[in-house]
Amino acid sequence: MRHTEFWARMDEALGEGYSRSWAELFVIADLGSRTATEALAAGVPPKEVWRAVWSVLELPERLR
């Protein structure tokens, strides 16, 4: 998964106006107690970050 696909999925799940803010503010334990934005900046693969986001938000299977 590329970063562009990650952000497209975030926009679909949370809306364009909220997804970036959420990714910058919400700390996820499975990402080493980092935000999605911090994890991506640290080099965590977007697919791994998406799995953590998907899990914490309890999104439907179709968005996995």
PDB file of N, CA and C in Angstrom:
ATOM      1  N   MET A   1       0.842  -1.170   0.000  1.00  0.00           N
ATOM      2  CA  MET A   1       0.000   0.000   0.000  1.00  0.00           C
ATOM      3  C   MET A   1       0.891   1.238   0.000  1.00  0.00           C
ATOM      4  N   ARG A   2       0.539   2.191  -0.827  1.00  0.00           N
ATOM      5  CA  ARG A   2       1.263   3.459  -0.875  1.00  0.00           C
ATOM      6  C   ARG A   2       0.604   4.463   0.070  1.00  0.00           C
ATOM      7  N   HIS A   3       1.319   5.527   0.353  1.00  0.00           N
ATOM      8  CA  HIS A   3       0.788   6.574   1.220  1.00  0.00           C
ATOM      9  C   HIS A   3      -0.495   7.164   0.635  1.00  0.00           C
ATOM     10  N   THR A   4      -0.558   7.314  -0.678  1.00  0.00           N
ATOM     11  CA  THR A   4      -1.763   7.882  -1.301  1.00  0.00           C
ATOM     12  C   THR A   4      -2.976   6.993  -1.059  1.00  0.00           C
ATOM     13  N   GLU A   5      -2.796   5.678  -1.133  1.00  0.00           N
ATOM     14  CA  GLU A   5      -3.904   4.766  -0.860  1.00  0.00           C
ATOM     15  C   GLU A   5      -4.299   4.827   0.614  1.00  0.00           C
ATOM     16  N   PHE A   6      -3.309   4.918   1.486  1.00  0.00           N
ATOM     17  CA  PHE A   6      -3.599   5.041   2.916  1.00  0.00           C
ATOM     18  C   PHE A   6      -4.488   6.251   3.171  1.00  0.00           C
ATOM     19  N   TRP A   7      -4.103   7.410   2.618  1.00  0.00           N
ATOM     20  CA  TRP A   7      -4.878   8.630   2.854  1.00  0.00           C
ATOM     21  C   TRP A   7      -6.250   8.568   2.194  1.00  0.00           C
ATOM     22  N   ALA A   8      -6.354   7.914   1.067  1.00  0.00           N
ATOM     23  CA  ALA A   8      -7.668   7.738   0.434  1.00  0.00           C
ATOM     24  C   ALA A   8      -8.574   6.906   1.327  1.00  0.00           C
ATOM     25  N   ARG A   9      -8.024   5.872   1.944  1.00  0.00           N
ATOM     26  CA  ARG A   9      -8.811   5.035   2.862  1.00  0.00           C
ATOM     27  C   ARG A   9      -9.199   5.820   4.112  1.00  0.00           C
ATOM     28  N   MET A  10      -8.279   6.632   4.606  1.00  0.00           N
ATOM     29  CA  MET A  10      -8.586   7.471   5.765  1.00  0.00           C
ATOM     30  C   MET A  10      -9.729   8.430   5.435  1.00  0.00           C
ATOM     31  N   ASP A  11      -9.654   9.052   4.261  1.00  0.00           N
ATOM     32  CA  ASP A  11     -10.711   9.980   3.843  1.00  0.00           C
ATOM     33  C   ASP A  11     -12.054   9.265   3.722  1.00  0.00           C
ATOM     34  N   GLU A  12     -12.030   8.048   3.200  1.00  0.00           N
ATOM     35  CA  GLU A  12     -13.272   7.285   3.064  1.00  0.00           C
ATOM     36  C   GLU A  12     -13.852   6.941   4.435  1.00  0.00           C
ATOM     37  N   ALA A  13     -12.989   6.577   5.367  1.00  0.00           N
ATOM     38  CA  ALA A  13     -13.447   6.143   6.682  1.00  0.00           C
ATOM     39  C   ALA A  13     -13.899   7.306   7.567  1.00  0.00           C
ATOM     40  N   LEU A  14     -13.175   8.435   7.494  1.00  0.00           N
ATOM     41  CA  LEU A  14     -13.427   9.528   8.435  1.00  0.00           C
ATOM     42  C   LEU A  14     -13.877  10.830   7.774  1.00  0.00           C
ATOM     43  N   GLY A  15     -13.788  10.893   6.471  1.00  0.00           N
ATOM     44  CA  GLY A  15     -14.115  12.129   5.772  1.00  0.00           C
ATOM     45  C   GLY A  15     -12.870  12.971   5.549  1.00  0.00           C
ATOM     46  N   GLU A  16     -12.862  13.683   4.439  1.00  0.00           N
ATOM     47  CA  GLU A  16     -11.673  14.470   4.077  1.00  0.00           C
ATOM     48  C   GLU A  16     -11.347  15.551   5.094  1.00  0.00           C
ATOM     49  N   GLY A  17     -12.358  16.144   5.674  1.00  0.00           N
ATOM     50  CA  GLY A  17     -12.128  17.236   6.607  1.00  0.00           C
ATOM     51  C   GLY A  17     -11.607  16.809   7.964  1.00  0.00           C
ATOM     52  N   TYR A  18     -11.728  15.537   8.288  1.00  0.00           N
ATOM     53  CA  TYR A  18     -11.382  15.064   9.630  1.00  0.00           C
ATOM     54  C   TYR A  18     -10.218  14.072   9.645  1.00  0.00           C
ATOM     55  N   SER A  19      -9.995  13.376   8.567  1.00  0.00           N
ATOM     56  CA  SER A  19      -9.021  12.269   8.580  1.00  0.00           C
ATOM     57  C   SER A  19      -7.610  12.712   8.951  1.00  0.00           C
ATOM     58  N   ARG A  20      -7.139  13.814   8.414  1.00  0.00           N
ATOM     59  CA  ARG A  20      -5.768  14.272   8.721  1.00  0.00           C
ATOM     60  C   ARG A  20      -5.650  14.715  10.171  1.00  0.00           C
ATOM     61  N   SER A  21      -6.656  15.419  10.656  1.00  0.00           N
ATOM     62  CA  SER A  21      -6.626  15.852  12.060  1.00  0.00           C
ATOM     63  C   SER A  21      -6.604  14.653  12.993  1.00  0.00           C
ATOM     64  N   TRP A  22      -7.473  13.682  12.712  1.00  0.00           N
ATOM     65  CA  TRP A  22      -7.527  12.480  13.538  1.00  0.00           C
ATOM     66  C   TRP A  22      -6.172  11.774  13.526  1.00  0.00           C
ATOM     67  N   ALA A  23      -5.579  11.645  12.345  1.00  0.00           N
ATOM     68  CA  ALA A  23      -4.297  10.949  12.208  1.00  0.00           C
ATOM     69  C   ALA A  23      -3.174  11.661  12.954  1.00  0.00           C
ATOM     70  N   GLU A  24      -3.302  12.959  13.139  1.00  0.00           N
ATOM     71  CA  GLU A  24      -2.277  13.726  13.855  1.00  0.00           C
ATOM     72  C   GLU A  24      -2.489  13.737  15.364  1.00  0.00           C
ATOM     73  N   LEU A  25      -3.707  13.441  15.819  1.00  0.00           N
ATOM     74  CA  LEU A  25      -4.026  13.585  17.233  1.00  0.00           C
ATOM     75  C   LEU A  25      -4.259  12.287  17.995  1.00  0.00           C
ATOM     76  N   PHE A  26      -4.767  11.266  17.329  1.00  0.00           N
ATOM     77  CA  PHE A  26      -5.173  10.040  18.021  1.00  0.00           C
ATOM     78  C   PHE A  26      -3.986   9.088  18.171  1.00  0.00           C
ATOM     79  N   VAL A  27      -3.615   8.797  19.402  1.00  0.00           N
ATOM     80  CA  VAL A  27      -2.491   7.902  19.695  1.00  0.00           C
ATOM     81  C   VAL A  27      -2.987   6.461  19.688  1.00  0.00           C
ATOM     82  N   ILE A  28      -2.260   5.601  18.973  1.00  0.00           N
ATOM     83  CA  ILE A  28      -2.641   4.197  18.826  1.00  0.00           C
ATOM     84  C   ILE A  28      -1.568   3.319  19.482  1.00  0.00           C
ATOM     85  N   ALA A  29      -1.980   2.541  20.451  1.00  0.00           N
ATOM     86  CA  ALA A  29      -1.042   1.690  21.193  1.00  0.00           C
ATOM     87  C   ALA A  29      -0.303   0.729  20.274  1.00  0.00           C
ATOM     88  N   ASP A  30      -1.007   0.151  19.305  1.00  0.00           N
ATOM     89  CA  ASP A  30      -0.382  -0.825  18.397  1.00  0.00           C
ATOM     90  C   ASP A  30       0.688  -0.210  17.495  1.00  0.00           C
ATOM     91  N   LEU A  31       0.756   1.102  17.472  1.00  0.00           N
ATOM     92  CA  LEU A  31       1.789   1.785  16.683  1.00  0.00           C
ATOM     93  C   LEU A  31       2.891   2.332  17.591  1.00  0.00           C
ATOM     94  N   GLY A  32       3.051   1.698  18.731  1.00  0.00           N
ATOM     95  CA  GLY A  32       4.076   2.136  19.674  1.00  0.00           C
ATOM     96  C   GLY A  32       3.693   3.415  20.380  1.00  0.00           C
ATOM     97  N   SER A  33       2.404   3.570  20.636  1.00  0.00           N
ATOM     98  CA  SER A  33       1.870   4.777  21.279  1.00  0.00           C
ATOM     99  C   SER A  33       2.213   6.029  20.481  1.00  0.00           C
ATOM    100  N   ARG A  34       2.045   5.898  19.167  1.00  0.00           N
ATOM    101  CA  ARG A  34       2.242   7.025  18.260  1.00  0.00           C
ATOM    102  C   ARG A  34       0.947   7.266  17.502  1.00  0.00           C
ATOM    103  N   THR A  35       0.863   8.433  16.914  1.00  0.00           N
ATOM    104  CA  THR A  35      -0.250   8.703  16.018  1.00  0.00           C
ATOM    105  C   THR A  35       0.047   8.064  14.665  1.00  0.00           C
ATOM    106  N   ALA A  36      -0.960   7.982  13.828  1.00  0.00           N
ATOM    107  CA  ALA A  36      -0.748   7.436  12.478  1.00  0.00           C
ATOM    108  C   ALA A  36       0.274   8.278  11.724  1.00  0.00           C
ATOM    109  N   THR A  37       0.177   9.587  11.857  1.00  0.00           N
ATOM    110  CA  THR A  37       1.110  10.486  11.179  1.00  0.00           C
ATOM    111  C   THR A  37       2.533  10.270  11.672  1.00  0.00           C
ATOM    112  N   GLU A  38       2.701  10.138  12.974  1.00  0.00           N
ATOM    113  CA  GLU A  38       4.036   9.889  13.538  1.00  0.00           C
ATOM    114  C   GLU A  38       4.584   8.550  13.074  1.00  0.00           C
ATOM    115  N   ALA A  39       3.743   7.535  13.041  1.00  0.00           N
ATOM    116  CA  ALA A  39       4.185   6.210  12.612  1.00  0.00           C
ATOM    117  C   ALA A  39       4.636   6.237  11.148  1.00  0.00           C
ATOM    118  N   LEU A  40       3.869   6.890  10.305  1.00  0.00           N
ATOM    119  CA  LEU A  40       4.254   6.992   8.894  1.00  0.00           C
ATOM    120  C   LEU A  40       5.579   7.738   8.756  1.00  0.00           C
ATOM    121  N   ALA A  41       5.738   8.820   9.492  1.00  0.00           N
ATOM    122  CA  ALA A  41       6.977   9.603   9.433  1.00  0.00           C
ATOM    123  C   ALA A  41       8.179   8.807   9.936  1.00  0.00           C
ATOM    124  N   ALA A  42       7.922   7.867  10.846  1.00  0.00           N
ATOM    125  CA  ALA A  42       8.996   7.031  11.394  1.00  0.00           C
ATOM    126  C   ALA A  42       9.330   5.847  10.489  1.00  0.00           C
ATOM    127  N   GLY A  43       8.588   5.717   9.381  1.00  0.00           N
ATOM    128  CA  GLY A  43       8.893   4.652   8.436  1.00  0.00           C
ATOM    129  C   GLY A  43       8.051   3.396   8.565  1.00  0.00           C
ATOM    130  N   VAL A  44       7.044   3.422   9.406  1.00  0.00           N
ATOM    131  CA  VAL A  44       6.152   2.265   9.505  1.00  0.00           C
ATOM    132  C   VAL A  44       5.381   2.169   8.188  1.00  0.00           C
ATOM    133  N   PRO A  45       5.334   0.995   7.578  1.00  0.00           N
ATOM    134  CA  PRO A  45       4.640   0.856   6.300  1.00  0.00           C
ATOM    135  C   PRO A  45       3.166   1.269   6.400  1.00  0.00           C
ATOM    136  N   PRO A  46       2.666   1.987   5.395  1.00  0.00           N
ATOM    137  CA  PRO A  46       1.267   2.427   5.417  1.00  0.00           C
ATOM    138  C   PRO A  46       0.269   1.298   5.646  1.00  0.00           C
ATOM    139  N   LYS A  47       0.554   0.109   5.117  1.00  0.00           N
ATOM    140  CA  LYS A  47      -0.355  -1.023   5.306  1.00  0.00           C
ATOM    141  C   LYS A  47      -0.463  -1.397   6.786  1.00  0.00           C
ATOM    142  N   GLU A  48       0.650  -1.361   7.489  1.00  0.00           N
ATOM    143  CA  GLU A  48       0.654  -1.674   8.922  1.00  0.00           C
ATOM    144  C   GLU A  48      -0.091  -0.596   9.712  1.00  0.00           C
ATOM    145  N   VAL A  49       0.117   0.660   9.326  1.00  0.00           N
ATOM    146  CA  VAL A  49      -0.585   1.762   9.990  1.00  0.00           C
ATOM    147  C   VAL A  49      -2.085   1.626   9.734  1.00  0.00           C
ATOM    148  N   TRP A  50      -2.454   1.309   8.481  1.00  0.00           N
ATOM    149  CA  TRP A  50      -3.879   1.155   8.169  1.00  0.00           C
ATOM    150  C   TRP A  50      -4.504   0.036   8.995  1.00  0.00           C
ATOM    151  N   ARG A  51      -3.817  -1.084   9.159  1.00  0.00           N
ATOM    152  CA  ARG A  51      -4.352  -2.185   9.970  1.00  0.00           C
ATOM    153  C   ARG A  51      -4.649  -1.713  11.392  1.00  0.00           C
ATOM    154  N   ALA A  52      -3.745  -0.927  11.948  1.00  0.00           N
ATOM    155  CA  ALA A  52      -3.946  -0.424  13.311  1.00  0.00           C
ATOM    156  C   ALA A  52      -5.120   0.546  13.363  1.00  0.00           C
ATOM    157  N   VAL A  53      -5.215   1.428  12.376  1.00  0.00           N
ATOM    158  CA  VAL A  53      -6.338   2.380  12.313  1.00  0.00           C
ATOM    159  C   VAL A  53      -7.647   1.618  12.163  1.00  0.00           C
ATOM    160  N   TRP A  54      -7.675   0.682  11.233  1.00  0.00           N
ATOM    161  CA  TRP A  54      -8.873  -0.121  10.975  1.00  0.00           C
ATOM    162  C   TRP A  54      -9.343  -0.804  12.260  1.00  0.00           C
ATOM    163  N   SER A  55      -8.406  -1.348  13.003  1.00  0.00           N
ATOM    164  CA  SER A  55      -8.729  -2.066  14.230  1.00  0.00           C
ATOM    165  C   SER A  55      -9.263  -1.126  15.309  1.00  0.00           C
ATOM    166  N   VAL A  56      -8.581  -0.033  15.550  1.00  0.00           N
ATOM    167  CA  VAL A  56      -8.975   0.863  16.635  1.00  0.00           C
ATOM    168  C   VAL A  56     -10.313   1.549  16.342  1.00  0.00           C
ATOM    169  N   LEU A  57     -10.589   1.801  15.080  1.00  0.00           N
ATOM    170  CA  LEU A  57     -11.861   2.424  14.722  1.00  0.00           C
ATOM    171  C   LEU A  57     -12.990   1.404  14.556  1.00  0.00           C
ATOM    172  N   GLU A  58     -12.633   0.123  14.616  1.00  0.00           N
ATOM    173  CA  GLU A  58     -13.616  -0.955  14.437  1.00  0.00           C
ATOM    174  C   GLU A  58     -14.411  -0.746  13.157  1.00  0.00           C
ATOM    175  N   LEU A  59     -13.658  -0.533  12.069  1.00  0.00           N
ATOM    176  CA  LEU A  59     -14.276  -0.308  10.769  1.00  0.00           C
ATOM    177  C   LEU A  59     -14.803  -1.616  10.187  1.00  0.00           C
ATOM    178  N   PRO A  60     -15.762  -1.534   9.269  1.00  0.00           N
ATOM    179  CA  PRO A  60     -16.312  -2.751   8.680  1.00  0.00           C
ATOM    180  C   PRO A  60     -15.268  -3.496   7.838  1.00  0.00           C
ATOM    181  N   GLU A  61     -15.484  -4.764   7.708  1.00  0.00           N
ATOM    182  CA  GLU A  61     -14.569  -5.643   6.963  1.00  0.00           C
ATOM    183  C   GLU A  61     -14.313  -5.125   5.545  1.00  0.00           C
ATOM    184  N   ARG A  62     -15.327  -4.534   4.902  1.00  0.00           N
ATOM    185  CA  ARG A  62     -15.170  -4.062   3.531  1.00  0.00           C
ATOM    186  C   ARG A  62     -14.107  -2.961   3.394  1.00  0.00           C
ATOM    187  N   LEU A  63     -13.770  -2.303   4.490  1.00  0.00           N
ATOM    188  CA  LEU A  63     -12.737  -1.255   4.466  1.00  0.00           C
ATOM    189  C   LEU A  63     -11.356  -1.782   4.828  1.00  0.00           C
ATOM    190  N   ARG A  64     -11.266  -3.039   5.093  1.00  0.00           N
ATOM    191  CA  ARG A  64      -9.990  -3.611   5.502  1.00  0.00           C
ATOM    192  C   ARG A  64      -9.036  -3.594   4.353  1.00  0.00           C
TER     193      ARG A  64
END
